[in-house]
Amino acid sequence: MERSEMPDEQERNFALRTDDGEEPSVFSGKTPRQAALKAARRLDPARSEEAAETEKIRLREKGEKKVHVYEGWAWEEEAPDDKPNWMPDEITEGNVSKQGVEHIDEI
């Protein structure tokens, strides 16, 4: 079946996990990577992508016992020339790199 024939994927909810197991935020996305990119844009941004430091982002899909682990980084850059009026002149961009999946015993 071609991708265009597949039914629309539902957005899923992923809880951001801290090292002590707390889950202070939830990010939605059709894939774990999409949610991780949203989480990365909340990191403290550097002045450029090259200067950005990586931080570990751990996301657990709600109702599941596996945690998707990413390295994420954020930076500031100028908004595009064709930006909408409401968008600021400088925006935060983010990127992630998947490191693996961890399994936890309890939710």
PDB file of N, CA and C in Angstrom:
ATOM      1  N   MET A   1       0.850  -1.184   0.000  1.00  0.00           N
ATOM      2  CA  MET A   1       0.000   0.000   0.000  1.00  0.00           C
ATOM      3  C   MET A   1       0.888   1.237   0.000  1.00  0.00           C
ATOM      4  N   GLU A   2       0.620   2.142  -0.900  1.00  0.00           N
ATOM      5  CA  GLU A   2       1.398   3.376  -0.962  1.00  0.00           C
ATOM      6  C   GLU A   2       1.059   4.271   0.215  1.00  0.00           C
ATOM      7  N   ARG A   3       2.004   5.106   0.581  1.00  0.00           N
ATOM      8  CA  ARG A   3       1.808   6.026   1.707  1.00  0.00           C
ATOM      9  C   ARG A   3       0.565   6.897   1.502  1.00  0.00           C
ATOM     10  N   SER A   4       0.321   7.340   0.262  1.00  0.00           N
ATOM     11  CA  SER A   4      -0.819   8.218   0.006  1.00  0.00           C
ATOM     12  C   SER A   4      -2.152   7.495   0.198  1.00  0.00           C
ATOM     13  N   GLU A   5      -2.135   6.158   0.152  1.00  0.00           N
ATOM     14  CA  GLU A   5      -3.354   5.383   0.339  1.00  0.00           C
ATOM     15  C   GLU A   5      -3.619   5.052   1.807  1.00  0.00           C
ATOM     16  N   MET A   6      -2.637   5.258   2.645  1.00  0.00           N
ATOM     17  CA  MET A   6      -2.784   4.919   4.061  1.00  0.00           C
ATOM     18  C   MET A   6      -3.667   5.950   4.748  1.00  0.00           C
ATOM     19  N   PRO A   7      -4.462   5.512   5.741  1.00  0.00           N
ATOM     20  CA  PRO A   7      -5.293   6.484   6.460  1.00  0.00           C
ATOM     21  C   PRO A   7      -4.421   7.466   7.228  1.00  0.00           C
ATOM     22  N   ASP A   8      -4.963   8.651   7.460  1.00  0.00           N
ATOM     23  CA  ASP A   8      -4.209   9.663   8.212  1.00  0.00           C
ATOM     24  C   ASP A   8      -3.819   9.119   9.576  1.00  0.00           C
ATOM     25  N   GLU A   9      -2.570   9.329   9.924  1.00  0.00           N
ATOM     26  CA  GLU A   9      -2.098   8.914  11.234  1.00  0.00           C
ATOM     27  C   GLU A   9      -2.624   9.876  12.285  1.00  0.00           C
ATOM     28  N   GLN A  10      -2.977   9.344  13.433  1.00  0.00           N
ATOM     29  CA  GLN A  10      -3.442  10.164  14.537  1.00  0.00           C
ATOM     30  C   GLN A  10      -2.240  10.771  15.253  1.00  0.00           C
ATOM     31  N   GLU A  11      -2.430  11.984  15.774  1.00  0.00           N
ATOM     32  CA  GLU A  11      -1.384  12.577  16.620  1.00  0.00           C
ATOM     33  C   GLU A  11      -1.314  11.772  17.910  1.00  0.00           C
ATOM     34  N   ARG A  12      -0.096  11.554  18.380  1.00  0.00           N
ATOM     35  CA  ARG A  12       0.123  10.812  19.615  1.00  0.00           C
ATOM     36  C   ARG A  12       0.734  11.770  20.629  1.00  0.00           C
ATOM     37  N   ASN A  13       0.587  11.438  21.902  1.00  0.00           N
ATOM     38  CA  ASN A  13       1.125  12.280  22.976  1.00  0.00           C
ATOM     39  C   ASN A  13       2.343  11.612  23.586  1.00  0.00           C
ATOM     40  N   PHE A  14       3.403  12.423  23.756  1.00  0.00           N
ATOM     41  CA  PHE A  14       4.663  11.944  24.313  1.00  0.00           C
ATOM     42  C   PHE A  14       5.023  12.804  25.516  1.00  0.00           C
ATOM     43  N   ALA A  15       5.248  12.154  26.657  1.00  0.00           N
ATOM     44  CA  ALA A  15       5.607  12.858  27.882  1.00  0.00           C
ATOM     45  C   ALA A  15       7.123  13.018  27.960  1.00  0.00           C
ATOM     46  N   LEU A  16       7.564  14.239  28.222  1.00  0.00           N
ATOM     47  CA  LEU A  16       8.983  14.525  28.425  1.00  0.00           C
ATOM     48  C   LEU A  16       9.362  13.990  29.801  1.00  0.00           C
ATOM     49  N   ARG A  17      10.352  13.095  29.873  1.00  0.00           N
ATOM     50  CA  ARG A  17      10.759  12.495  31.148  1.00  0.00           C
ATOM     51  C   ARG A  17      12.069  13.097  31.634  1.00  0.00           C
ATOM     52  N   THR A  18      12.091  13.434  32.915  1.00  0.00           N
ATOM     53  CA  THR A  18      13.329  13.908  33.537  1.00  0.00           C
ATOM     54  C   THR A  18      14.114  12.698  34.039  1.00  0.00           C
ATOM     55  N   ASP A  19      15.347  12.926  34.485  1.00  0.00           N
ATOM     56  CA  ASP A  19      16.181  11.833  34.989  1.00  0.00           C
ATOM     57  C   ASP A  19      15.577  11.143  36.209  1.00  0.00           C
ATOM     58  N   ASP A  20      14.764  11.884  36.971  1.00  0.00           N
ATOM     59  CA  ASP A  20      14.155  11.284  38.163  1.00  0.00           C
ATOM     60  C   ASP A  20      12.775  10.678  37.882  1.00  0.00           C
ATOM     61  N   GLY A  21      12.391  10.568  36.603  1.00  0.00           N
ATOM     62  CA  GLY A  21      11.137   9.923  36.243  1.00  0.00           C
ATOM     63  C   GLY A  21       9.921  10.825  36.210  1.00  0.00           C
ATOM     64  N   GLU A  22      10.105  12.113  36.510  1.00  0.00           N
ATOM     65  CA  GLU A  22       8.981  13.048  36.435  1.00  0.00           C
ATOM     66  C   GLU A  22       8.642  13.312  34.970  1.00  0.00           C
ATOM     67  N   GLU A  23       7.394  13.681  34.714  1.00  0.00           N
ATOM     68  CA  GLU A  23       6.954  13.986  33.351  1.00  0.00           C
ATOM     69  C   GLU A  23       6.257  15.346  33.351  1.00  0.00           C
ATOM     70  N   PRO A  24       7.051  16.451  33.306  1.00  0.00           N
ATOM     71  CA  PRO A  24       6.494  17.791  33.454  1.00  0.00           C
ATOM     72  C   PRO A  24       5.786  18.357  32.226  1.00  0.00           C
ATOM     73  N   SER A  25       6.040  17.803  31.027  1.00  0.00           N
ATOM     74  CA  SER A  25       5.468  18.361  29.806  1.00  0.00           C
ATOM     75  C   SER A  25       5.019  17.244  28.875  1.00  0.00           C
ATOM     76  N   VAL A  26       4.087  17.574  28.002  1.00  0.00           N
ATOM     77  CA  VAL A  26       3.626  16.626  26.988  1.00  0.00           C
ATOM     78  C   VAL A  26       3.710  17.317  25.625  1.00  0.00           C
ATOM     79  N   PHE A  27       4.272  16.607  24.647  1.00  0.00           N
ATOM     80  CA  PHE A  27       4.370  17.103  23.282  1.00  0.00           C
ATOM     81  C   PHE A  27       3.634  16.131  22.372  1.00  0.00           C
ATOM     82  N   SER A  28       2.929  16.658  21.381  1.00  0.00           N
ATOM     83  CA  SER A  28       2.182  15.786  20.475  1.00  0.00           C
ATOM     84  C   SER A  28       2.861  15.749  19.119  1.00  0.00           C
ATOM     85  N   GLY A  29       2.614  14.673  18.406  1.00  0.00           N
ATOM     86  CA  GLY A  29       3.140  14.517  17.059  1.00  0.00           C
ATOM     87  C   GLY A  29       2.726  13.177  16.503  1.00  0.00           C
ATOM     88  N   LYS A  30       2.812  13.039  15.205  1.00  0.00           N
ATOM     89  CA  LYS A  30       2.476  11.764  14.575  1.00  0.00           C
ATOM     90  C   LYS A  30       3.590  10.741  14.775  1.00  0.00           C
ATOM     91  N   THR A  31       4.813  11.227  15.026  1.00  0.00           N
ATOM     92  CA  THR A  31       5.958  10.350  15.266  1.00  0.00           C
ATOM     93  C   THR A  31       6.705  10.855  16.500  1.00  0.00           C
ATOM     94  N   PRO A  32       7.494   9.987  17.131  1.00  0.00           N
ATOM     95  CA  PRO A  32       8.302  10.454  18.265  1.00  0.00           C
ATOM     96  C   PRO A  32       9.257  11.577  17.870  1.00  0.00           C
ATOM     97  N   ARG A  33       9.820  11.515  16.656  1.00  0.00           N
ATOM     98  CA  ARG A  33      10.750  12.550  16.208  1.00  0.00           C
ATOM     99  C   ARG A  33      10.062  13.907  16.109  1.00  0.00           C
ATOM    100  N   GLN A  34       8.829  13.931  15.615  1.00  0.00           N
ATOM    101  CA  GLN A  34       8.100  15.191  15.509  1.00  0.00           C
ATOM    102  C   GLN A  34       7.911  15.808  16.894  1.00  0.00           C
ATOM    103  N   ALA A  35       7.561  14.994  17.882  1.00  0.00           N
ATOM    104  CA  ALA A  35       7.414  15.495  19.247  1.00  0.00           C
ATOM    105  C   ALA A  35       8.767  15.947  19.805  1.00  0.00           C
ATOM    106  N   ALA A  36       9.837  15.217  19.489  1.00  0.00           N
ATOM    107  CA  ALA A  36      11.172  15.580  19.970  1.00  0.00           C
ATOM    108  C   ALA A  36      11.625  16.914  19.389  1.00  0.00           C
ATOM    109  N   LEU A  37      11.289  17.185  18.127  1.00  0.00           N
ATOM    110  CA  LEU A  37      11.640  18.471  17.523  1.00  0.00           C
ATOM    111  C   LEU A  37      10.933  19.614  18.246  1.00  0.00           C
ATOM    112  N   LYS A  38       9.686  19.399  18.638  1.00  0.00           N
ATOM    113  CA  LYS A  38       8.962  20.429  19.390  1.00  0.00           C
ATOM    114  C   LYS A  38       9.632  20.653  20.740  1.00  0.00           C
ATOM    115  N   ALA A  39      10.050  19.560  21.394  1.00  0.00           N
ATOM    116  CA  ALA A  39      10.734  19.674  22.684  1.00  0.00           C
ATOM    117  C   ALA A  39      12.077  20.394  22.526  1.00  0.00           C
ATOM    118  N   ALA A  40      12.790  20.125  21.437  1.00  0.00           N
ATOM    119  CA  ALA A  40      14.098  20.749  21.208  1.00  0.00           C
ATOM    120  C   ALA A  40      13.977  22.258  21.083  1.00  0.00           C
ATOM    121  N   ARG A  41      12.905  22.736  20.475  1.00  0.00           N
ATOM    122  CA  ARG A  41      12.743  24.186  20.323  1.00  0.00           C
ATOM    123  C   ARG A  41      12.495  24.882  21.656  1.00  0.00           C
ATOM    124  N   ARG A  42      12.223  24.126  22.707  1.00  0.00           N
ATOM    125  CA  ARG A  42      12.058  24.703  24.045  1.00  0.00           C
ATOM    126  C   ARG A  42      13.372  24.785  24.814  1.00  0.00           C
ATOM    127  N   LEU A  43      14.433  24.197  24.272  1.00  0.00           N
ATOM    128  CA  LEU A  43      15.744  24.262  24.930  1.00  0.00           C
ATOM    129  C   LEU A  43      16.270  25.685  24.862  1.00  0.00           C
ATOM    130  N   ASP A  44      17.248  25.985  25.704  1.00  0.00           N
ATOM    131  CA  ASP A  44      17.881  27.296  25.701  1.00  0.00           C
ATOM    132  C   ASP A  44      18.672  27.433  24.401  1.00  0.00           C
ATOM    133  N   PRO A  45      18.274  28.344  23.500  1.00  0.00           N
ATOM    134  CA  PRO A  45      18.928  28.406  22.186  1.00  0.00           C
ATOM    135  C   PRO A  45      20.295  29.088  22.220  1.00  0.00           C
ATOM    136  N   ALA A  46      21.181  28.591  21.363  1.00  0.00           N
ATOM    137  CA  ALA A  46      22.495  29.209  21.167  1.00  0.00           C
ATOM    138  C   ALA A  46      22.361  30.271  20.075  1.00  0.00           C
ATOM    139  N   ARG A  47      23.415  31.025  19.841  1.00  0.00           N
ATOM    140  CA  ARG A  47      23.395  32.075  18.809  1.00  0.00           C
ATOM    141  C   ARG A  47      23.479  31.499  17.392  1.00  0.00           C
ATOM    142  N   SER A  48      23.978  30.248  17.251  1.00  0.00           N
ATOM    143  CA  SER A  48      24.049  29.599  15.939  1.00  0.00           C
ATOM    144  C   SER A  48      23.953  28.091  16.149  1.00  0.00           C
ATOM    145  N   GLU A  49      23.658  27.356  15.077  1.00  0.00           N
ATOM    146  CA  GLU A  49      23.568  25.899  15.206  1.00  0.00           C
ATOM    147  C   GLU A  49      24.918  25.305  15.585  1.00  0.00           C
ATOM    148  N   GLU A  50      25.997  25.851  15.029  1.00  0.00           N
ATOM    149  CA  GLU A  50      27.332  25.340  15.334  1.00  0.00           C
ATOM    150  C   GLU A  50      27.690  25.512  16.804  1.00  0.00           C
ATOM    151  N   ALA A  51      27.184  26.553  17.439  1.00  0.00           N
ATOM    152  CA  ALA A  51      27.497  26.829  18.845  1.00  0.00           C
ATOM    153  C   ALA A  51      26.555  26.117  19.815  1.00  0.00           C
ATOM    154  N   ALA A  52      25.516  25.479  19.302  1.00  0.00           N
ATOM    155  CA  ALA A  52      24.503  24.857  20.167  1.00  0.00           C
ATOM    156  C   ALA A  52      25.051  23.615  20.863  1.00  0.00           C
ATOM    157  N   GLU A  53      24.743  23.510  22.132  1.00  0.00           N
ATOM    158  CA  GLU A  53      25.112  22.338  22.933  1.00  0.00           C
ATOM    159  C   GLU A  53      23.963  21.348  22.899  1.00  0.00           C
ATOM    160  N   THR A  54      24.278  20.051  22.888  1.00  0.00           N
ATOM    161  CA  THR A  54      23.221  19.046  22.870  1.00  0.00           C
ATOM    162  C   THR A  54      22.746  18.740  24.278  1.00  0.00           C
ATOM    163  N   GLU A  55      21.461  18.408  24.369  1.00  0.00           N
ATOM    164  CA  GLU A  55      20.861  17.968  25.624  1.00  0.00           C
ATOM    165  C   GLU A  55      20.060  16.719  25.345  1.00  0.00           C
ATOM    166  N   LYS A  56      20.011  15.824  26.338  1.00  0.00           N
ATOM    167  CA  LYS A  56      19.253  14.597  26.172  1.00  0.00           C
ATOM    168  C   LYS A  56      17.760  14.902  26.318  1.00  0.00           C
ATOM    169  N   ILE A  57      16.977  14.381  25.389  1.00  0.00           N
ATOM    170  CA  ILE A  57      15.514  14.497  25.429  1.00  0.00           C
ATOM    171  C   ILE A  57      14.964  13.079  25.486  1.00  0.00           C
ATOM    172  N   ARG A  58      14.205  12.792  26.532  1.00  0.00           N
ATOM    173  CA  ARG A  58      13.611  11.464  26.708  1.00  0.00           C
ATOM    174  C   ARG A  58      12.099  11.609  26.652  1.00  0.00           C
ATOM    175  N   LEU A  59      11.452  10.921  25.722  1.00  0.00           N
ATOM    176  CA  LEU A  59      10.007  11.018  25.526  1.00  0.00           C
ATOM    177  C   LEU A  59       9.359   9.643  25.642  1.00  0.00           C
ATOM    178  N   ARG A  60       8.339   9.546  26.500  1.00  0.00           N
ATOM    179  CA  ARG A  60       7.577   8.306  26.651  1.00  0.00           C
ATOM    180  C   ARG A  60       6.202   8.507  26.028  1.00  0.00           C
ATOM    181  N   GLU A  61       5.849   7.613  25.110  1.00  0.00           N
ATOM    182  CA  GLU A  61       4.514   7.702  24.527  1.00  0.00           C
ATOM    183  C   GLU A  61       3.495   7.336  25.603  1.00  0.00           C
ATOM    184  N   LYS A  62       2.453   8.165  25.728  1.00  0.00           N
ATOM    185  CA  LYS A  62       1.419   7.930  26.732  1.00  0.00           C
ATOM    186  C   LYS A  62       0.832   6.537  26.531  1.00  0.00           C
ATOM    187  N   GLY A  63       0.760   5.769  27.616  1.00  0.00           N
ATOM    188  CA  GLY A  63       0.212   4.421  27.570  1.00  0.00           C
ATOM    189  C   GLY A  63       1.229   3.350  27.214  1.00  0.00           C
ATOM    190  N   GLU A  64       2.468   3.731  26.955  1.00  0.00           N
ATOM    191  CA  GLU A  64       3.507   2.776  26.564  1.00  0.00           C
ATOM    192  C   GLU A  64       4.616   2.741  27.614  1.00  0.00           C
ATOM    193  N   LYS A  65       5.430   1.683  27.571  1.00  0.00           N
ATOM    194  CA  LYS A  65       6.534   1.532  28.517  1.00  0.00           C
ATOM    195  C   LYS A  65       7.899   1.713  27.863  1.00  0.00           C
ATOM    196  N   LYS A  66       7.921   2.298  26.662  1.00  0.00           N
ATOM    197  CA  LYS A  66       9.219   2.562  26.045  1.00  0.00           C
ATOM    198  C   LYS A  66       9.448   4.062  25.948  1.00  0.00           C
ATOM    199  N   VAL A  67      10.714   4.423  26.109  1.00  0.00           N
ATOM    200  CA  VAL A  67      11.124   5.823  26.102  1.00  0.00           C
ATOM    201  C   VAL A  67      12.058   6.044  24.922  1.00  0.00           C
ATOM    202  N   HIS A  68      11.700   6.992  24.062  1.00  0.00           N
ATOM    203  CA  HIS A  68      12.520   7.351  22.905  1.00  0.00           C
ATOM    204  C   HIS A  68      13.543   8.388  23.372  1.00  0.00           C
ATOM    205  N   VAL A  69      14.820   8.108  23.126  1.00  0.00           N
ATOM    206  CA  VAL A  69      15.904   8.968  23.602  1.00  0.00           C
ATOM    207  C   VAL A  69      16.537   9.683  22.406  1.00  0.00           C
ATOM    208  N   TYR A  70      16.634  11.009  22.530  1.00  0.00           N
ATOM    209  CA  TYR A  70      17.210  11.858  21.484  1.00  0.00           C
ATOM    210  C   TYR A  70      18.260  12.778  22.082  1.00  0.00           C
ATOM    211  N   GLU A  71      19.201  13.203  21.244  1.00  0.00           N
ATOM    212  CA  GLU A  71      20.065  14.333  21.550  1.00  0.00           C
ATOM    213  C   GLU A  71      19.422  15.506  20.816  1.00  0.00           C
ATOM    214  N   GLY A  72      19.164  16.597  21.509  1.00  0.00           N
ATOM    215  CA  GLY A  72      18.530  17.747  20.887  1.00  0.00           C
ATOM    216  C   GLY A  72      19.348  19.004  21.080  1.00  0.00           C
ATOM    217  N   TRP A  73      19.208  19.938  20.165  1.00  0.00           N
ATOM    218  CA  TRP A  73      19.885  21.230  20.277  1.00  0.00           C
ATOM    219  C   TRP A  73      19.020  22.302  19.632  1.00  0.00           C
ATOM    220  N   ALA A  74      19.205  23.540  20.067  1.00  0.00           N
ATOM    221  CA  ALA A  74      18.408  24.660  19.553  1.00  0.00           C
ATOM    222  C   ALA A  74      19.306  25.860  19.310  1.00  0.00           C
ATOM    223  N   TRP A  75      18.876  26.695  18.366  1.00  0.00           N
ATOM    224  CA  TRP A  75      19.618  27.908  18.043  1.00  0.00           C
ATOM    225  C   TRP A  75      18.650  28.955  17.528  1.00  0.00           C
ATOM    226  N   GLU A  76      19.100  30.192  17.542  1.00  0.00           N
ATOM    227  CA  GLU A  76      18.289  31.295  17.034  1.00  0.00           C
ATOM    228  C   GLU A  76      18.744  31.651  15.629  1.00  0.00           C
ATOM    229  N   GLU A  77      17.791  32.039  14.791  1.00  0.00           N
ATOM    230  CA  GLU A  77      18.144  32.563  13.471  1.00  0.00           C
ATOM    231  C   GLU A  77      17.072  33.539  13.023  1.00  0.00           C
ATOM    232  N   GLU A  78      17.398  34.301  11.989  1.00  0.00           N
ATOM    233  CA  GLU A  78      16.451  35.290  11.485  1.00  0.00           C
ATOM    234  C   GLU A  78      15.271  34.596  10.827  1.00  0.00           C
ATOM    235  N   ALA A  79      14.095  35.159  11.025  1.00  0.00           N
ATOM    236  CA  ALA A  79      12.892  34.625  10.384  1.00  0.00           C
ATOM    237  C   ALA A  79      12.988  34.848   8.882  1.00  0.00           C
ATOM    238  N   PRO A  80      12.321  34.026   8.078  1.00  0.00           N
ATOM    239  CA  PRO A  80      12.368  34.225   6.627  1.00  0.00           C
ATOM    240  C   PRO A  80      11.736  35.549   6.210  1.00  0.00           C
ATOM    241  N   ASP A  81      12.127  36.051   5.051  1.00  0.00           N
ATOM    242  CA  ASP A  81      11.607  37.333   4.553  1.00  0.00           C
ATOM    243  C   ASP A  81      10.094  37.312   4.352  1.00  0.00           C
ATOM    244  N   ASP A  82       9.538  36.162   4.010  1.00  0.00           N
ATOM    245  CA  ASP A  82       8.099  36.070   3.763  1.00  0.00           C
ATOM    246  C   ASP A  82       7.304  35.638   5.004  1.00  0.00           C
ATOM    247  N   LYS A  83       7.858  35.923   6.175  1.00  0.00           N
ATOM    248  CA  LYS A  83       7.205  35.533   7.430  1.00  0.00           C
ATOM    249  C   LYS A  83       5.878  36.271   7.612  1.00  0.00           C
ATOM    250  N   PRO A  84       4.932  35.640   8.342  1.00  0.00           N
ATOM    251  CA  PRO A  84       3.687  36.355   8.644  1.00  0.00           C
ATOM    252  C   PRO A  84       3.945  37.503   9.631  1.00  0.00           C
ATOM    253  N   ASN A  85       3.040  38.451   9.699  1.00  0.00           N
ATOM    254  CA  ASN A  85       3.206  39.633  10.558  1.00  0.00           C
ATOM    255  C   ASN A  85       3.384  39.292  12.029  1.00  0.00           C
ATOM    256  N   TRP A  86       2.722  38.228  12.487  1.00  0.00           N
ATOM    257  CA  TRP A  86       2.771  37.892  13.909  1.00  0.00           C
ATOM    258  C   TRP A  86       4.100  37.264  14.327  1.00  0.00           C
ATOM    259  N   MET A  87       4.895  36.783  13.375  1.00  0.00           N
ATOM    260  CA  MET A  87       6.147  36.085  13.692  1.00  0.00           C
ATOM    261  C   MET A  87       7.240  37.084  14.054  1.00  0.00           C
ATOM    262  N   PRO A  88       8.006  36.816  15.128  1.00  0.00           N
ATOM    263  CA  PRO A  88       9.096  37.731  15.496  1.00  0.00           C
ATOM    264  C   PRO A  88      10.216  37.703  14.455  1.00  0.00           C
ATOM    265  N   ASP A  89      11.106  38.683  14.516  1.00  0.00           N
ATOM    266  CA  ASP A  89      12.213  38.771  13.563  1.00  0.00           C
ATOM    267  C   ASP A  89      13.247  37.668  13.768  1.00  0.00           C
ATOM    268  N   GLU A  90      13.353  37.164  14.997  1.00  0.00           N
ATOM    269  CA  GLU A  90      14.291  36.092  15.297  1.00  0.00           C
ATOM    270  C   GLU A  90      13.502  34.912  15.858  1.00  0.00           C
ATOM    271  N   ILE A  91      13.750  33.711  15.323  1.00  0.00           N
ATOM    272  CA  ILE A  91      13.008  32.524  15.740  1.00  0.00           C
ATOM    273  C   ILE A  91      13.965  31.468  16.282  1.00  0.00           C
ATOM    274  N   THR A  92      13.421  30.527  17.044  1.00  0.00           N
ATOM    275  CA  THR A  92      14.202  29.418  17.575  1.00  0.00           C
ATOM    276  C   THR A  92      13.994  28.202  16.686  1.00  0.00           C
ATOM    277  N   GLU A  93      15.087  27.649  16.221  1.00  0.00           N
ATOM    278  CA  GLU A  93      15.070  26.408  15.439  1.00  0.00           C
ATOM    279  C   GLU A  93      15.628  25.300  16.319  1.00  0.00           C
ATOM    280  N   GLY A  94      15.294  24.064  16.012  1.00  0.00           N
ATOM    281  CA  GLY A  94      15.809  22.941  16.775  1.00  0.00           C
ATOM    282  C   GLY A  94      16.034  21.740  15.883  1.00  0.00           C
ATOM    283  N   ASN A  95      16.855  20.817  16.351  1.00  0.00           N
ATOM    284  CA  ASN A  95      17.091  19.584  15.624  1.00  0.00           C
ATOM    285  C   ASN A  95      17.346  18.483  16.647  1.00  0.00           C
ATOM    286  N   VAL A  96      17.165  17.227  16.227  1.00  0.00           N
ATOM    287  CA  VAL A  96      17.363  16.090  17.113  1.00  0.00           C
ATOM    288  C   VAL A  96      18.051  14.956  16.373  1.00  0.00           C
ATOM    289  N   SER A  97      18.678  14.091  17.142  1.00  0.00           N
ATOM    290  CA  SER A  97      19.296  12.883  16.617  1.00  0.00           C
ATOM    291  C   SER A  97      18.904  11.741  17.549  1.00  0.00           C
ATOM    292  N   LYS A  98      18.272  10.698  17.004  1.00  0.00           N
ATOM    293  CA  LYS A  98      17.797   9.588  17.847  1.00  0.00           C
ATOM    294  C   LYS A  98      18.988   8.784  18.359  1.00  0.00           C
ATOM    295  N   GLN A  99      18.958   8.488  19.657  1.00  0.00           N
ATOM    296  CA  GLN A  99      20.016   7.728  20.299  1.00  0.00           C
ATOM    297  C   GLN A  99      19.586   6.299  20.594  1.00  0.00           C
ATOM    298  N   GLY A 100      18.271   6.063  20.679  1.00  0.00           N
ATOM    299  CA  GLY A 100      17.799   4.709  20.952  1.00  0.00           C
ATOM    300  C   GLY A 100      16.473   4.718  21.681  1.00  0.00           C
ATOM    301  N   VAL A 101      16.100   3.531  22.152  1.00  0.00           N
ATOM    302  CA  VAL A 101      14.851   3.349  22.892  1.00  0.00           C
ATOM    303  C   VAL A 101      15.182   2.623  24.182  1.00  0.00           C
ATOM    304  N   GLU A 102      14.621   3.100  25.292  1.00  0.00           N
ATOM    305  CA  GLU A 102      14.765   2.452  26.584  1.00  0.00           C
ATOM    306  C   GLU A 102      13.417   1.864  26.973  1.00  0.00           C
ATOM    307  N   HIS A 103      13.434   0.798  27.734  1.00  0.00           N
ATOM    308  CA  HIS A 103      12.180   0.215  28.238  1.00  0.00           C
ATOM    309  C   HIS A 103      12.138   0.416  29.745  1.00  0.00           C
ATOM    310  N   ILE A 104      10.986   0.842  30.241  1.00  0.00           N
ATOM    311  CA  ILE A 104      10.823   1.073  31.672  1.00  0.00           C
ATOM    312  C   ILE A 104       9.867   0.026  32.227  1.00  0.00           C
ATOM    313  N   ASP A 105       9.943  -0.223  33.530  1.00  0.00           N
ATOM    314  CA  ASP A 105       9.129  -1.246  34.160  1.00  0.00           C
ATOM    315  C   ASP A 105       7.714  -0.797  34.440  1.00  0.00           C
ATOM    316  N   GLU A 106       7.571   0.490  34.771  1.00  0.00           N
ATOM    317  CA  GLU A 106       6.235   0.981  35.120  1.00  0.00           C
ATOM    318  C   GLU A 106       5.975   2.321  34.464  1.00  0.00           C
ATOM    319  N   ILE A 107       4.713   2.615  34.336  1.00  0.00           N
ATOM    320  CA  ILE A 107       4.310   3.885  33.733  1.00  0.00           C
ATOM    321  C   ILE A 107       4.047   4.891  34.830  1.00  0.00           C
TER     322      ILE A 107
END
